[in-house]
Every structure is written in structure tokens, then in C-alpha cells.
């Protein structure tokens, strides 16, 4: 349920600042599984193992829950640095 709440918070922030929404879309597209169209549920979402690894490298715990602020800062940085 926490991921749904986090997604909702990011959606609200994106509606307030559309440029953030574009940045989040760009970053989420980079995180997608490369063969997402071949595996059910046919959505461009990251592989769970990759997501756990990213959380472990960022927070030291693969079960950590990032904050909306962390994700916003990362999205802004990732788009700007590319």
C-alpha cells in the first residue's frame, strides 16, 4: 500500500508542476524492464530484482521506502545530468 501512496503523492506533485511529471516519465522509462512487452502484465515496469538492488545501493536496505522528495530530487538530477 505504501507504493500506491507514494505514486499518488508523485502524481499530485506532477499535476502542480508538469515539468516534474515529464522528468518522472523519462526516469521511469529508463528503469523499465527491457523486454517488458514479452512478459505479463505487459507493462513497462522495472524488474523486481533491479528495483531491490537500486533500493539497497541507495538506502542500504532493499526493503526501504523512498520518499517523494528523494524521488523528485533523483528525477531532476537524472534528467539534468544526461
Protein backbone atom coordinates (compact mmCIF):
# COMPACT_ATOMS: atom_id res chain seq x y z
CA UNK A 1 0.00 0.00 0.00
CA UNK A 2 2.93 2.33 0.59
CA UNK A 3 3.90 2.27 -3.09
CA UNK A 4 0.38 3.32 -4.08
CA UNK A 5 0.51 6.25 -1.65
CA UNK A 6 3.94 7.23 -2.97
CA UNK A 7 2.67 7.09 -6.55
CA UNK A 8 -0.30 9.26 -5.64
CA UNK A 9 1.95 11.86 -3.98
CA UNK A 10 4.16 11.97 -7.07
CA UNK A 11 1.09 12.30 -9.29
CA UNK A 12 -0.16 15.28 -7.26
CA UNK A 13 3.27 16.94 -7.44
CA UNK A 14 3.34 16.33 -11.19
CA UNK A 15 -0.04 17.98 -11.65
CA UNK A 16 1.22 21.03 -9.77
CA UNK A 17 4.49 21.11 -11.75
CA UNK A 18 4.13 19.49 -15.19
CA UNK A 19 7.89 19.64 -15.83
CA UNK A 20 8.37 17.29 -12.87
CA UNK A 21 5.86 14.90 -14.43
CA UNK A 22 7.89 14.85 -17.64
CA UNK A 23 11.09 14.22 -15.68
CA UNK A 24 9.44 11.36 -13.77
CA UNK A 25 8.22 9.80 -17.02
CA UNK A 26 11.70 9.98 -18.52
CA UNK A 27 13.30 8.36 -15.50
CA UNK A 28 10.64 5.68 -15.20
CA UNK A 29 11.14 4.78 -18.87
CA UNK A 30 14.86 4.25 -18.18
CA UNK A 31 14.04 1.92 -15.27
CA UNK A 32 11.70 -0.32 -17.28
CA UNK A 33 12.49 -3.95 -17.94
CA UNK A 34 13.92 -4.14 -21.46
CA UNK A 35 11.61 -6.99 -22.51
CA UNK A 36 8.51 -5.70 -20.76
CA UNK A 37 6.31 -6.31 -23.80
CA UNK A 38 7.03 -10.07 -23.67
CA UNK A 39 6.13 -10.71 -20.03
CA UNK A 40 2.79 -10.48 -18.26
CA UNK A 41 1.38 -7.96 -17.23
CA UNK A 42 2.84 -6.27 -20.37
CA UNK A 43 3.62 -3.00 -18.59
CA UNK A 44 6.90 -1.06 -18.74
CA UNK A 45 7.78 -1.54 -15.06
CA UNK A 46 11.19 -2.33 -13.57
CA UNK A 47 12.18 -5.90 -12.75
CA UNK A 48 11.71 -6.51 -9.02
CA UNK A 49 15.31 -7.67 -8.58
CA UNK A 50 16.62 -4.50 -10.18
CA UNK A 51 14.39 -2.35 -8.01
CA UNK A 52 15.56 -4.15 -4.84
CA UNK A 53 19.19 -3.64 -5.90
CA UNK A 54 18.62 0.08 -6.52
CA UNK A 55 17.00 0.48 -3.10
CA UNK A 56 19.83 -1.44 -1.45
CA UNK A 57 22.50 0.72 -3.09
CA UNK A 58 20.64 3.95 -2.25
CA UNK A 59 19.45 3.20 1.29
CA UNK A 60 21.37 0.13 2.44
CA UNK A 61 18.12 -1.84 2.69
CA UNK A 62 16.30 -3.43 -0.21
CA UNK A 63 13.02 -3.07 1.65
CA UNK A 64 13.42 0.69 2.17
CA UNK A 65 10.67 3.04 1.07
CA UNK A 66 11.95 6.16 -0.71
CA UNK A 67 10.25 9.45 -0.01
CA UNK A 68 8.58 11.57 -2.67
CA UNK A 69 11.27 14.20 -2.08
CA UNK A 70 14.03 11.66 -2.78
CA UNK A 71 12.41 10.54 -6.00
CA UNK A 72 11.80 14.11 -7.12
CA UNK A 73 15.43 15.08 -6.46
CA UNK A 74 16.68 11.99 -8.28
CA UNK A 75 14.44 12.61 -11.30
CA UNK A 76 15.56 16.25 -11.57
CA UNK A 77 19.22 15.24 -11.23
CA UNK A 78 18.98 12.33 -13.68
CA UNK A 79 17.34 14.40 -16.42
CA UNK A 80 19.64 17.37 -15.88
CA UNK A 81 22.85 15.30 -15.89
CA UNK A 82 22.02 13.45 -19.10
